[in-house]
Amino acid sequence: MINQEILKKIKQIEIYTQRLLTGSLVGDSRSAIKGSGLEFDQIREYQMGDDVRFIDWRASARMDKLLVKQYIEERDRTVLLAVDVSASTFFSSDQDLKNTSIAQIASVLALVADYGKDQVGLILFSDEVELYVPPARGRNHARLIMQKLFTPAPYKKNTDITVALQFAANLKRRDTILFVLSDFIGADFSKSLRSIAARYQVIAIRCLDANEVKFPSVGFLAVQDPENGDQGALRAQSKSLHDINIFLQARRQEQDTVFAHAGVDHIDVTNNKHFMGDLIKFFRRRMRY
C-alpha cells in the first residue's frame, strides 16, 4: 500500500507537469489528418482539399454550412525510462537524496509521454534489472510508474549501466526513446551504449550530488563507498582537495567522451540546483512534442 506522503508528492508533480504542458511549451504529439484516423477529434468547417467522404451531412444541415469530421493519428512511439537504483543513488550532501531527484525527473518524463499518447515503460536497475514495467499508455499506467519510482527498495548493489542497456536492447521495440537516469559511476559501458544508440534514440541524464561535481574544503573526513562498503579517510584541503576535484572533473570528461562517441546527448542535473528549465528544453528539442 502506497503511503500518503508519496501520493502527495505524485500529485504535486502531476500539477507541476500539467502547468508546464498547458503553458504551450510542449505540444500534442498527435497530428490531424484528412483521412481515416485512429481516433475522432472534432467537427470543424470544411476546408479546400478536405476529403468529401468525411463531410458530416447532418451537422452541416443543422448549422447551414459544410462541416467535416476530423480524426487524429497517434504514432506508436515508446519512451523507456532506465533508472539507476544502485546504492550510490541513496546518497546526498543536501536535503534530498540523489534517487529522489532521479525519481522526480523520471516522473515528469512519464507524464509528458502520457500527454503525448506515447507508451512509457520503466526499467529499475543496479547491477541487475530489479524491476521492469512493460510500456503502456494511460494516466493510471503513468501513476503506476511513479509509484514504483518513489518506493524502490534500498538496493545495496553496484551500478552496471550495461545491464540496463542490454535489457532495453533485447526488447527490440520500434520508434523508441531511451532515457538513462544515473550517476554513471560504474564499470565501462561504452560498447553497449554505442550498440543501443544505433537502434534507439538515447538520452543520458546524469544525476550527481553537488559534492560529486566540486568537493568542498572540509579537512579530514571519514568516507565509505556505498556500493562495496570500503572505508577510508579523505584529506580535503589544499593540494589534496585540488587532486580530488581534478579527479571528479576527469571522470565527467571521460563520460562526456563516451556519450559523444556514441552520438548520445546528455544533460547534467545536480541536487542543489533547479533542473526543470533544462529538462523543458530537452522536451522541446528531442521529444518533439
C-alpha atoms as a PDB file:
ATOM      1  CA  MET A   1       0.000   0.000   0.000  1.00  0.00           C
ATOM      2  CA  ILE A   2       1.486   3.314  -1.051  1.00  0.00           C
ATOM      3  CA  ASN A   3       1.717   5.871   1.757  1.00  0.00           C
ATOM      4  CA  GLN A   4       0.066   9.289   1.774  1.00  0.00           C
ATOM      5  CA  GLU A   5       3.359  11.189   1.593  1.00  0.00           C
ATOM      6  CA  ILE A   6       4.244   9.549  -1.714  1.00  0.00           C
ATOM      7  CA  LEU A   7       0.718  10.096  -3.054  1.00  0.00           C
ATOM      8  CA  LYS A   8       1.035  13.779  -2.171  1.00  0.00           C
ATOM      9  CA  LYS A   9       4.390  14.008  -3.938  1.00  0.00           C
ATOM     10  CA  ILE A  10       2.964  12.327  -7.046  1.00  0.00           C
ATOM     11  CA  LYS A  11       0.041  14.760  -7.091  1.00  0.00           C
ATOM     12  CA  GLN A  12       2.374  17.746  -6.802  1.00  0.00           C
ATOM     13  CA  ILE A  13       4.452  16.502  -9.746  1.00  0.00           C
ATOM     14  CA  GLU A  14       1.291  15.948 -11.795  1.00  0.00           C
ATOM     15  CA  ILE A  15       0.122  19.511 -11.113  1.00  0.00           C
ATOM     16  CA  TYR A  16       3.530  20.986 -11.920  1.00  0.00           C
ATOM     17  CA  THR A  17       3.857  18.991 -15.133  1.00  0.00           C
ATOM     18  CA  GLN A  18       0.341  19.900 -16.241  1.00  0.00           C
ATOM     19  CA  ARG A  19       1.175  23.588 -15.817  1.00  0.00           C
ATOM     20  CA  LEU A  20       4.293  23.057 -17.893  1.00  0.00           C
ATOM     21  CA  LEU A  21       2.347  21.348 -20.647  1.00  0.00           C
ATOM     22  CA  THR A  22      -0.537  23.813 -20.762  1.00  0.00           C
ATOM     23  CA  GLY A  23       1.939  26.685 -20.975  1.00  0.00           C
ATOM     24  CA  SER A  24       2.437  25.901 -24.679  1.00  0.00           C
ATOM     25  CA  LEU A  25       5.978  24.759 -24.028  1.00  0.00           C
ATOM     26  CA  VAL A  26       5.085  21.277 -25.130  1.00  0.00           C
ATOM     27  CA  GLY A  27       2.543  20.398 -27.796  1.00  0.00           C
ATOM     28  CA  ASP A  28       0.487  17.332 -28.585  1.00  0.00           C
ATOM     29  CA  SER A  29       2.208  14.523 -30.464  1.00  0.00           C
ATOM     30  CA  ARG A  30      -0.958  13.612 -32.338  1.00  0.00           C
ATOM     31  CA  SER A  31      -1.412  15.048 -35.808  1.00  0.00           C
ATOM     32  CA  ALA A  32      -4.652  15.961 -37.528  1.00  0.00           C
ATOM     33  CA  ILE A  33      -5.226  14.146 -40.808  1.00  0.00           C
ATOM     34  CA  LYS A  34      -7.736  14.428 -43.608  1.00  0.00           C
ATOM     35  CA  GLY A  35      -8.270  10.706 -43.992  1.00  0.00           C
ATOM     36  CA  SER A  36      -9.239   7.781 -41.855  1.00  0.00           C
ATOM     37  CA  GLY A  37      -7.616   8.105 -38.442  1.00  0.00           C
ATOM     38  CA  LEU A  38      -7.456   6.110 -35.257  1.00  0.00           C
ATOM     39  CA  GLU A  39      -9.470   8.409 -33.033  1.00  0.00           C
ATOM     40  CA  PHE A  40     -12.196  11.002 -33.599  1.00  0.00           C
ATOM     41  CA  ASP A  41     -11.049  14.506 -32.688  1.00  0.00           C
ATOM     42  CA  GLN A  42     -13.635  17.136 -33.599  1.00  0.00           C
ATOM     43  CA  ILE A  43     -16.088  18.506 -36.156  1.00  0.00           C
ATOM     44  CA  ARG A  44     -14.864  21.601 -37.952  1.00  0.00           C
ATOM     45  CA  GLU A  45     -15.640  23.695 -41.020  1.00  0.00           C
ATOM     46  CA  TYR A  46     -14.841  22.239 -44.409  1.00  0.00           C
ATOM     47  CA  GLN A  47     -11.576  23.490 -45.921  1.00  0.00           C
ATOM     48  CA  MET A  48     -10.424  23.300 -49.531  1.00  0.00           C
ATOM     49  CA  GLY A  49      -8.770  19.915 -50.057  1.00  0.00           C
ATOM     50  CA  ASP A  50     -10.681  18.036 -47.313  1.00  0.00           C
ATOM     51  CA  ASP A  51     -11.876  14.569 -48.255  1.00  0.00           C
ATOM     52  CA  VAL A  52     -15.596  14.822 -49.055  1.00  0.00           C
ATOM     53  CA  ARG A  53     -16.123  11.364 -47.544  1.00  0.00           C
ATOM     54  CA  PHE A  54     -15.733  12.911 -44.110  1.00  0.00           C
ATOM     55  CA  ILE A  55     -18.367  15.609 -44.505  1.00  0.00           C
ATOM     56  CA  ASP A  56     -20.881  15.326 -41.660  1.00  0.00           C
ATOM     57  CA  TRP A  57     -24.080  15.939 -43.603  1.00  0.00           C
ATOM     58  CA  ARG A  58     -26.395  16.004 -40.581  1.00  0.00           C
ATOM     59  CA  ALA A  59     -24.285  18.530 -38.703  1.00  0.00           C
ATOM     60  CA  SER A  60     -23.868  20.546 -41.907  1.00  0.00           C
ATOM     61  CA  ALA A  61     -27.644  20.702 -42.368  1.00  0.00           C
ATOM     62  CA  ARG A  62     -28.183  21.848 -38.776  1.00  0.00           C
ATOM     63  CA  MET A  63     -25.501  24.540 -38.967  1.00  0.00           C
ATOM     64  CA  ASP A  64     -26.200  25.537 -42.588  1.00  0.00           C
ATOM     65  CA  LYS A  65     -22.544  25.163 -43.573  1.00  0.00           C
ATOM     66  CA  LEU A  66     -20.253  22.334 -44.622  1.00  0.00           C
ATOM     67  CA  LEU A  67     -18.657  20.539 -41.650  1.00  0.00           C
ATOM     68  CA  VAL A  68     -16.223  17.637 -41.652  1.00  0.00           C
ATOM     69  CA  LYS A  69     -15.178  15.072 -39.082  1.00  0.00           C
ATOM     70  CA  GLN A  70     -11.505  15.379 -38.160  1.00  0.00           C
ATOM     71  CA  TYR A  71      -9.514  12.481 -36.830  1.00  0.00           C
ATOM     72  CA  ILE A  72      -6.174  12.229 -35.091  1.00  0.00           C
ATOM     73  CA  GLU A  73      -3.391   9.844 -35.813  1.00  0.00           C
ATOM     74  CA  GLU A  74      -1.298   8.526 -32.968  1.00  0.00           C
ATOM     75  CA  ARG A  75       2.273   7.498 -33.568  1.00  0.00           C
ATOM     76  CA  ASP A  76       3.293   4.226 -31.990  1.00  0.00           C
ATOM     77  CA  ARG A  77       6.260   5.550 -30.053  1.00  0.00           C
ATOM     78  CA  THR A  78       7.726   4.124 -26.862  1.00  0.00           C
ATOM     79  CA  VAL A  79       9.503   6.017 -24.107  1.00  0.00           C
ATOM     80  CA  LEU A  80      11.679   3.784 -21.941  1.00  0.00           C
ATOM     81  CA  LEU A  81      12.978   5.037 -18.595  1.00  0.00           C
ATOM     82  CA  ALA A  82      16.070   3.176 -17.374  1.00  0.00           C
ATOM     83  CA  VAL A  83      16.518   4.331 -13.785  1.00  0.00           C
ATOM     84  CA  ASP A  84      19.543   3.623 -11.605  1.00  0.00           C
ATOM     85  CA  VAL A  85      18.576   2.403  -8.110  1.00  0.00           C
ATOM     86  CA  SER A  86      22.022   1.209  -7.035  1.00  0.00           C
ATOM     87  CA  ALA A  87      23.470   2.058  -3.638  1.00  0.00           C
ATOM     88  CA  SER A  88      25.301   5.138  -4.903  1.00  0.00           C
ATOM     89  CA  THR A  89      21.987   6.899  -5.650  1.00  0.00           C
ATOM     90  CA  PHE A  90      20.951   6.663  -1.970  1.00  0.00           C
ATOM     91  CA  PHE A  91      23.370   9.451  -1.088  1.00  0.00           C
ATOM     92  CA  SER A  92      23.240  13.183  -0.607  1.00  0.00           C
ATOM     93  CA  SER A  93      25.141  16.036   0.957  1.00  0.00           C
ATOM     94  CA  ASP A  94      21.912  18.046   0.827  1.00  0.00           C
ATOM     95  CA  GLN A  95      18.319  17.512   1.910  1.00  0.00           C
ATOM     96  CA  ASP A  96      17.200  15.240  -0.939  1.00  0.00           C
ATOM     97  CA  LEU A  97      18.909  12.005  -1.920  1.00  0.00           C
ATOM     98  CA  LYS A  98      20.060  11.600  -5.497  1.00  0.00           C
ATOM     99  CA  ASN A  99      17.438   8.935  -6.050  1.00  0.00           C
ATOM    100  CA  THR A 100      14.725  11.459  -5.109  1.00  0.00           C
ATOM    101  CA  SER A 101      15.871  13.825  -7.863  1.00  0.00           C
ATOM    102  CA  ILE A 102      16.058  10.889 -10.271  1.00  0.00           C
ATOM    103  CA  ALA A 103      12.511   9.824  -9.360  1.00  0.00           C
ATOM    104  CA  GLN A 104      11.196  13.363  -9.885  1.00  0.00           C
ATOM    105  CA  ILE A 105      12.806  13.656 -13.314  1.00  0.00           C
ATOM    106  CA  ALA A 106      11.604  10.224 -14.425  1.00  0.00           C
ATOM    107  CA  SER A 107       8.091  11.026 -13.191  1.00  0.00           C
ATOM    108  CA  VAL A 108       7.924  14.181 -15.293  1.00  0.00           C
ATOM    109  CA  LEU A 109       9.148  12.229 -18.320  1.00  0.00           C
ATOM    110  CA  ALA A 110       6.441   9.609 -17.742  1.00  0.00           C
ATOM    111  CA  LEU A 111       3.735  12.274 -17.521  1.00  0.00           C
ATOM    112  CA  VAL A 112       4.953  14.094 -20.631  1.00  0.00           C
ATOM    113  CA  ALA A 113       4.981  10.800 -22.525  1.00  0.00           C
ATOM    114  CA  ASP A 114       1.437  10.150 -21.320  1.00  0.00           C
ATOM    115  CA  TYR A 115       0.361  13.595 -22.507  1.00  0.00           C
ATOM    116  CA  GLY A 116       1.795  12.821 -25.937  1.00  0.00           C
ATOM    117  CA  LYS A 117      -0.091   9.487 -26.077  1.00  0.00           C
ATOM    118  CA  ASP A 118       3.212   7.596 -26.153  1.00  0.00           C
ATOM    119  CA  GLN A 119       3.716   4.273 -24.455  1.00  0.00           C
ATOM    120  CA  VAL A 120       6.032   4.507 -21.462  1.00  0.00           C
ATOM    121  CA  GLY A 121       7.909   1.721 -19.689  1.00  0.00           C
ATOM    122  CA  LEU A 122      10.241   1.530 -16.703  1.00  0.00           C
ATOM    123  CA  ILE A 123      13.455  -0.363 -16.008  1.00  0.00           C
ATOM    124  CA  LEU A 124      14.891  -0.142 -12.486  1.00  0.00           C
ATOM    125  CA  PHE A 125      18.458  -1.407 -12.404  1.00  0.00           C
ATOM    126  CA  SER A 126      21.532  -1.741 -10.207  1.00  0.00           C
ATOM    127  CA  ASP A 127      23.983  -4.471 -11.248  1.00  0.00           C
ATOM    128  CA  GLU A 128      20.911  -6.362 -12.467  1.00  0.00           C
ATOM    129  CA  VAL A 129      17.418  -5.455 -13.579  1.00  0.00           C
ATOM    130  CA  GLU A 130      15.434  -5.059 -10.358  1.00  0.00           C
ATOM    131  CA  LEU A 131      12.045  -4.259 -11.894  1.00  0.00           C
ATOM    132  CA  TYR A 132      10.513  -3.991 -15.332  1.00  0.00           C
ATOM    133  CA  VAL A 133       7.177  -2.327 -16.083  1.00  0.00           C
ATOM    134  CA  PRO A 134       6.262  -3.024 -19.735  1.00  0.00           C
ATOM    135  CA  PRO A 135       5.341   0.011 -21.863  1.00  0.00           C
ATOM    136  CA  ALA A 136       1.692   1.031 -21.949  1.00  0.00           C
ATOM    137  CA  ARG A 137      -0.439   4.149 -22.281  1.00  0.00           C
ATOM    138  CA  GLY A 138      -2.745   5.990 -19.922  1.00  0.00           C
ATOM    139  CA  ARG A 139      -2.614   8.163 -16.826  1.00  0.00           C
ATOM    140  CA  ASN A 140      -3.136   5.217 -14.478  1.00  0.00           C
ATOM    141  CA  HIS A 141      -0.126   3.500 -16.024  1.00  0.00           C
ATOM    142  CA  ALA A 142       1.970   6.672 -15.615  1.00  0.00           C
ATOM    143  CA  ARG A 143       0.916   6.805 -11.958  1.00  0.00           C
ATOM    144  CA  LEU A 144       1.929   3.174 -11.501  1.00  0.00           C
ATOM    145  CA  ILE A 145       5.387   4.033 -12.812  1.00  0.00           C
ATOM    146  CA  MET A 146       5.610   6.998 -10.449  1.00  0.00           C
ATOM    147  CA  GLN A 147       4.672   4.781  -7.511  1.00  0.00           C
ATOM    148  CA  LYS A 148       7.456   2.351  -8.422  1.00  0.00           C
ATOM    149  CA  LEU A 149       9.911   5.235  -8.743  1.00  0.00           C
ATOM    150  CA  PHE A 150       9.155   6.628  -5.301  1.00  0.00           C
ATOM    151  CA  THR A 151       9.037   3.283  -3.486  1.00  0.00           C
ATOM    152  CA  PRO A 152      12.219   1.456  -4.523  1.00  0.00           C
ATOM    153  CA  ALA A 153      13.932  -0.830  -2.055  1.00  0.00           C
ATOM    154  CA  PRO A 154      17.363   0.475  -0.959  1.00  0.00           C
ATOM    155  CA  TYR A 155      19.352  -1.855  -3.194  1.00  0.00           C
ATOM    156  CA  LYS A 156      22.824  -2.218  -1.696  1.00  0.00           C
ATOM    157  CA  LYS A 157      24.351  -3.082  -5.028  1.00  0.00           C
ATOM    158  CA  ASN A 158      26.796  -1.765  -7.592  1.00  0.00           C
ATOM    159  CA  THR A 159      25.994   0.210 -10.727  1.00  0.00           C
ATOM    160  CA  ASP A 160      26.129  -1.614 -14.064  1.00  0.00           C
ATOM    161  CA  ILE A 161      24.804   0.537 -16.917  1.00  0.00           C
ATOM    162  CA  THR A 162      25.464  -2.249 -19.418  1.00  0.00           C
ATOM    163  CA  VAL A 163      22.857  -4.493 -17.761  1.00  0.00           C
ATOM    164  CA  ALA A 164      20.116  -1.906 -18.346  1.00  0.00           C
ATOM    165  CA  LEU A 165      21.229  -1.120 -21.891  1.00  0.00           C
ATOM    166  CA  GLN A 166      21.313  -4.777 -22.922  1.00  0.00           C
ATOM    167  CA  PHE A 167      17.905  -5.402 -21.353  1.00  0.00           C
ATOM    168  CA  ALA A 168      16.415  -2.442 -23.228  1.00  0.00           C
ATOM    169  CA  ALA A 169      18.029  -3.571 -26.489  1.00  0.00           C
ATOM    170  CA  ASN A 170      16.561  -7.063 -26.132  1.00  0.00           C
ATOM    171  CA  LEU A 171      13.050  -5.573 -26.031  1.00  0.00           C
ATOM    172  CA  LYS A 172      13.516  -4.769 -29.742  1.00  0.00           C
ATOM    173  CA  ARG A 173      10.867  -2.073 -29.833  1.00  0.00           C
ATOM    174  CA  ARG A 174      10.436   0.281 -32.782  1.00  0.00           C
ATOM    175  CA  ASP A 175      10.498   4.084 -32.605  1.00  0.00           C
ATOM    176  CA  THR A 176      11.866   4.233 -29.060  1.00  0.00           C
ATOM    177  CA  ILE A 177      13.413   6.951 -26.946  1.00  0.00           C
ATOM    178  CA  LEU A 178      15.502   5.564 -24.102  1.00  0.00           C
ATOM    179  CA  PHE A 179      16.245   7.846 -21.164  1.00  0.00           C
ATOM    180  CA  VAL A 180      19.021   6.577 -18.902  1.00  0.00           C
ATOM    181  CA  LEU A 181      18.962   8.268 -15.487  1.00  0.00           C
ATOM    182  CA  SER A 182      22.053   7.543 -13.409  1.00  0.00           C
ATOM    183  CA  ASP A 183      25.207   8.982 -11.879  1.00  0.00           C
ATOM    184  CA  PHE A 184      27.052   6.762 -14.413  1.00  0.00           C
ATOM    185  CA  ILE A 185      29.622   5.868 -11.764  1.00  0.00           C
ATOM    186  CA  GLY A 186      30.422   2.269 -12.591  1.00  0.00           C
ATOM    187  CA  ALA A 187      32.079  -0.138 -14.974  1.00  0.00           C
ATOM    188  CA  ASP A 188      32.759   0.720 -18.613  1.00  0.00           C
ATOM    189  CA  PHE A 189      29.522   0.875 -20.604  1.00  0.00           C
ATOM    190  CA  SER A 190      30.804   2.479 -23.816  1.00  0.00           C
ATOM    191  CA  LYS A 191      30.390  -0.562 -26.093  1.00  0.00           C
ATOM    192  CA  SER A 192      26.798  -1.221 -25.018  1.00  0.00           C
ATOM    193  CA  LEU A 193      25.923   2.455 -25.338  1.00  0.00           C
ATOM    194  CA  ARG A 194      27.205   2.639 -28.914  1.00  0.00           C
ATOM    195  CA  SER A 195      25.275  -0.507 -29.771  1.00  0.00           C
ATOM    196  CA  ILE A 196      21.900   0.599 -28.434  1.00  0.00           C
ATOM    197  CA  ALA A 197      22.317   4.160 -29.751  1.00  0.00           C
ATOM    198  CA  ALA A 198      22.332   2.658 -33.242  1.00  0.00           C
ATOM    199  CA  ARG A 199      18.860   1.250 -32.561  1.00  0.00           C
ATOM    200  CA  TYR A 200      17.125   3.751 -30.265  1.00  0.00           C
ATOM    201  CA  GLN A 201      17.247   7.451 -29.574  1.00  0.00           C
ATOM    202  CA  VAL A 202      19.200   7.551 -26.309  1.00  0.00           C
ATOM    203  CA  ILE A 203      19.398  10.455 -23.877  1.00  0.00           C
ATOM    204  CA  ALA A 204      21.582  10.287 -20.787  1.00  0.00           C
ATOM    205  CA  ILE A 205      20.529  12.254 -17.725  1.00  0.00           C
ATOM    206  CA  ARG A 206      23.495  12.376 -15.368  1.00  0.00           C
ATOM    207  CA  CYS A 207      22.331  12.984 -11.805  1.00  0.00           C
ATOM    208  CA  LEU A 208      25.047  13.967  -9.382  1.00  0.00           C
ATOM    209  CA  ASP A 209      25.335  15.294  -5.874  1.00  0.00           C
ATOM    210  CA  ALA A 210      26.884  18.752  -5.696  1.00  0.00           C
ATOM    211  CA  ASN A 211      29.929  17.272  -3.931  1.00  0.00           C
ATOM    212  CA  GLU A 212      30.470  14.901  -6.847  1.00  0.00           C
ATOM    213  CA  VAL A 213      30.943  17.940  -9.079  1.00  0.00           C
ATOM    214  CA  LYS A 214      33.140  20.008  -6.779  1.00  0.00           C
ATOM    215  CA  PHE A 215      34.264  18.785  -3.397  1.00  0.00           C
ATOM    216  CA  PRO A 216      34.309  21.353  -0.561  1.00  0.00           C
ATOM    217  CA  SER A 217      37.188  22.059   1.759  1.00  0.00           C
ATOM    218  CA  VAL A 218      36.223  20.092   4.878  1.00  0.00           C
ATOM    219  CA  GLY A 219      39.572  18.913   6.219  1.00  0.00           C
ATOM    220  CA  PHE A 220      39.822  15.270   7.261  1.00  0.00           C
ATOM    221  CA  LEU A 221      36.728  13.198   6.548  1.00  0.00           C
ATOM    222  CA  ALA A 222      35.817   9.547   7.103  1.00  0.00           C
ATOM    223  CA  VAL A 223      34.293   8.117   3.925  1.00  0.00           C
ATOM    224  CA  GLN A 224      32.646   4.877   2.817  1.00  0.00           C
ATOM    225  CA  ASP A 225      31.822   3.528  -0.619  1.00  0.00           C
ATOM    226  CA  PRO A 226      28.062   2.832  -0.508  1.00  0.00           C
ATOM    227  CA  GLU A 227      28.338   0.073  -3.108  1.00  0.00           C
ATOM    228  CA  ASN A 228      31.226  -2.062  -1.849  1.00  0.00           C
ATOM    229  CA  GLY A 229      31.475  -0.885   1.769  1.00  0.00           C
ATOM    230  CA  ASP A 230      35.141   0.158   1.544  1.00  0.00           C
ATOM    231  CA  GLN A 231      36.083   2.732   4.169  1.00  0.00           C
ATOM    232  CA  GLY A 232      38.861   5.277   4.363  1.00  0.00           C
ATOM    233  CA  ALA A 233      39.932   8.757   5.329  1.00  0.00           C
ATOM    234  CA  LEU A 234      39.882  11.722   2.962  1.00  0.00           C
ATOM    235  CA  ARG A 235      42.003  14.821   3.358  1.00  0.00           C
ATOM    236  CA  ALA A 236      40.004  17.503   1.590  1.00  0.00           C
ATOM    237  CA  GLN A 237      42.221  20.557   1.864  1.00  0.00           C
ATOM    238  CA  SER A 238      44.925  22.361  -0.110  1.00  0.00           C
ATOM    239  CA  LYS A 239      46.705  20.114  -2.645  1.00  0.00           C
ATOM    240  CA  SER A 240      44.674  17.035  -1.763  1.00  0.00           C
ATOM    241  CA  LEU A 241      41.430  18.936  -2.398  1.00  0.00           C
ATOM    242  CA  HIS A 242      42.790  20.081  -5.749  1.00  0.00           C
ATOM    243  CA  ASP A 243      43.598  16.482  -6.702  1.00  0.00           C
ATOM    244  CA  ILE A 244      40.103  15.332  -5.697  1.00  0.00           C
ATOM    245  CA  ASN A 245      38.418  17.936  -7.874  1.00  0.00           C
ATOM    246  CA  ILE A 246      40.723  17.153 -10.780  1.00  0.00           C
ATOM    247  CA  PHE A 247      39.692  13.502 -10.456  1.00  0.00           C
ATOM    248  CA  LEU A 248      35.968  14.369 -10.391  1.00  0.00           C
ATOM    249  CA  GLN A 249      36.353  16.597 -13.445  1.00  0.00           C
ATOM    250  CA  ALA A 250      38.329  13.930 -15.318  1.00  0.00           C
ATOM    251  CA  ARG A 251      35.644  11.332 -14.602  1.00  0.00           C
ATOM    252  CA  ARG A 252      32.921  13.584 -16.037  1.00  0.00           C
ATOM    253  CA  GLN A 253      35.056  14.378 -19.075  1.00  0.00           C
ATOM    254  CA  GLU A 254      35.646  10.672 -19.683  1.00  0.00           C
ATOM    255  CA  GLN A 255      31.891  10.060 -19.540  1.00  0.00           C
ATOM    256  CA  ASP A 256      31.299  13.020 -21.874  1.00  0.00           C
ATOM    257  CA  THR A 257      33.647  11.408 -24.391  1.00  0.00           C
ATOM    258  CA  VAL A 258      31.743   8.112 -24.159  1.00  0.00           C
ATOM    259  CA  PHE A 259      28.450   9.945 -24.764  1.00  0.00           C
ATOM    260  CA  ALA A 260      29.894  11.870 -27.710  1.00  0.00           C
ATOM    261  CA  HIS A 261      31.380   8.785 -29.397  1.00  0.00           C
ATOM    262  CA  ALA A 262      28.008   7.033 -29.120  1.00  0.00           C
ATOM    263  CA  GLY A 263      26.167  10.068 -30.502  1.00  0.00           C
ATOM    264  CA  VAL A 264      24.173  10.382 -27.284  1.00  0.00           C
ATOM    265  CA  ASP A 265      23.049  13.733 -25.914  1.00  0.00           C
ATOM    266  CA  HIS A 266      23.287  14.176 -22.177  1.00  0.00           C
ATOM    267  CA  ILE A 267      22.092  16.615 -19.594  1.00  0.00           C
ATOM    268  CA  ASP A 268      23.524  17.182 -16.111  1.00  0.00           C
ATOM    269  CA  VAL A 269      21.383  17.524 -13.004  1.00  0.00           C
ATOM    270  CA  THR A 270      22.659  18.287  -9.508  1.00  0.00           C
ATOM    271  CA  ASN A 271      20.556  18.146  -6.375  1.00  0.00           C
ATOM    272  CA  ASN A 272      21.393  21.702  -5.325  1.00  0.00           C
ATOM    273  CA  LYS A 273      20.040  23.372  -8.475  1.00  0.00           C
ATOM    274  CA  HIS A 274      16.664  23.699 -10.164  1.00  0.00           C
ATOM    275  CA  PHE A 275      16.702  21.407 -13.164  1.00  0.00           C
ATOM    276  CA  MET A 276      13.242  21.707 -14.729  1.00  0.00           C
ATOM    277  CA  GLY A 277      14.235  24.548 -17.067  1.00  0.00           C
ATOM    278  CA  ASP A 278      16.911  22.399 -18.702  1.00  0.00           C
ATOM    279  CA  LEU A 279      14.527  19.469 -18.941  1.00  0.00           C
ATOM    280  CA  ILE A 280      11.880  21.599 -20.670  1.00  0.00           C
ATOM    281  CA  LYS A 281      14.432  22.494 -23.338  1.00  0.00           C
ATOM    282  CA  PHE A 282      15.122  18.802 -23.792  1.00  0.00           C
ATOM    283  CA  PHE A 283      11.410  18.037 -24.151  1.00  0.00           C
ATOM    284  CA  ARG A 284      11.079  20.610 -26.904  1.00  0.00           C
ATOM    285  CA  ARG A 285      14.196  19.622 -28.810  1.00  0.00           C
ATOM    286  CA  ARG A 286      14.365  15.849 -28.540  1.00  0.00           C
ATOM    287  CA  MET A 287      10.880  14.515 -27.743  1.00  0.00           C
ATOM    288  CA  ARG A 288       9.392  16.781 -30.455  1.00  0.00           C
ATOM    289  CA  TYR A 289       6.049  17.428 -28.840  1.00  0.00           C
END
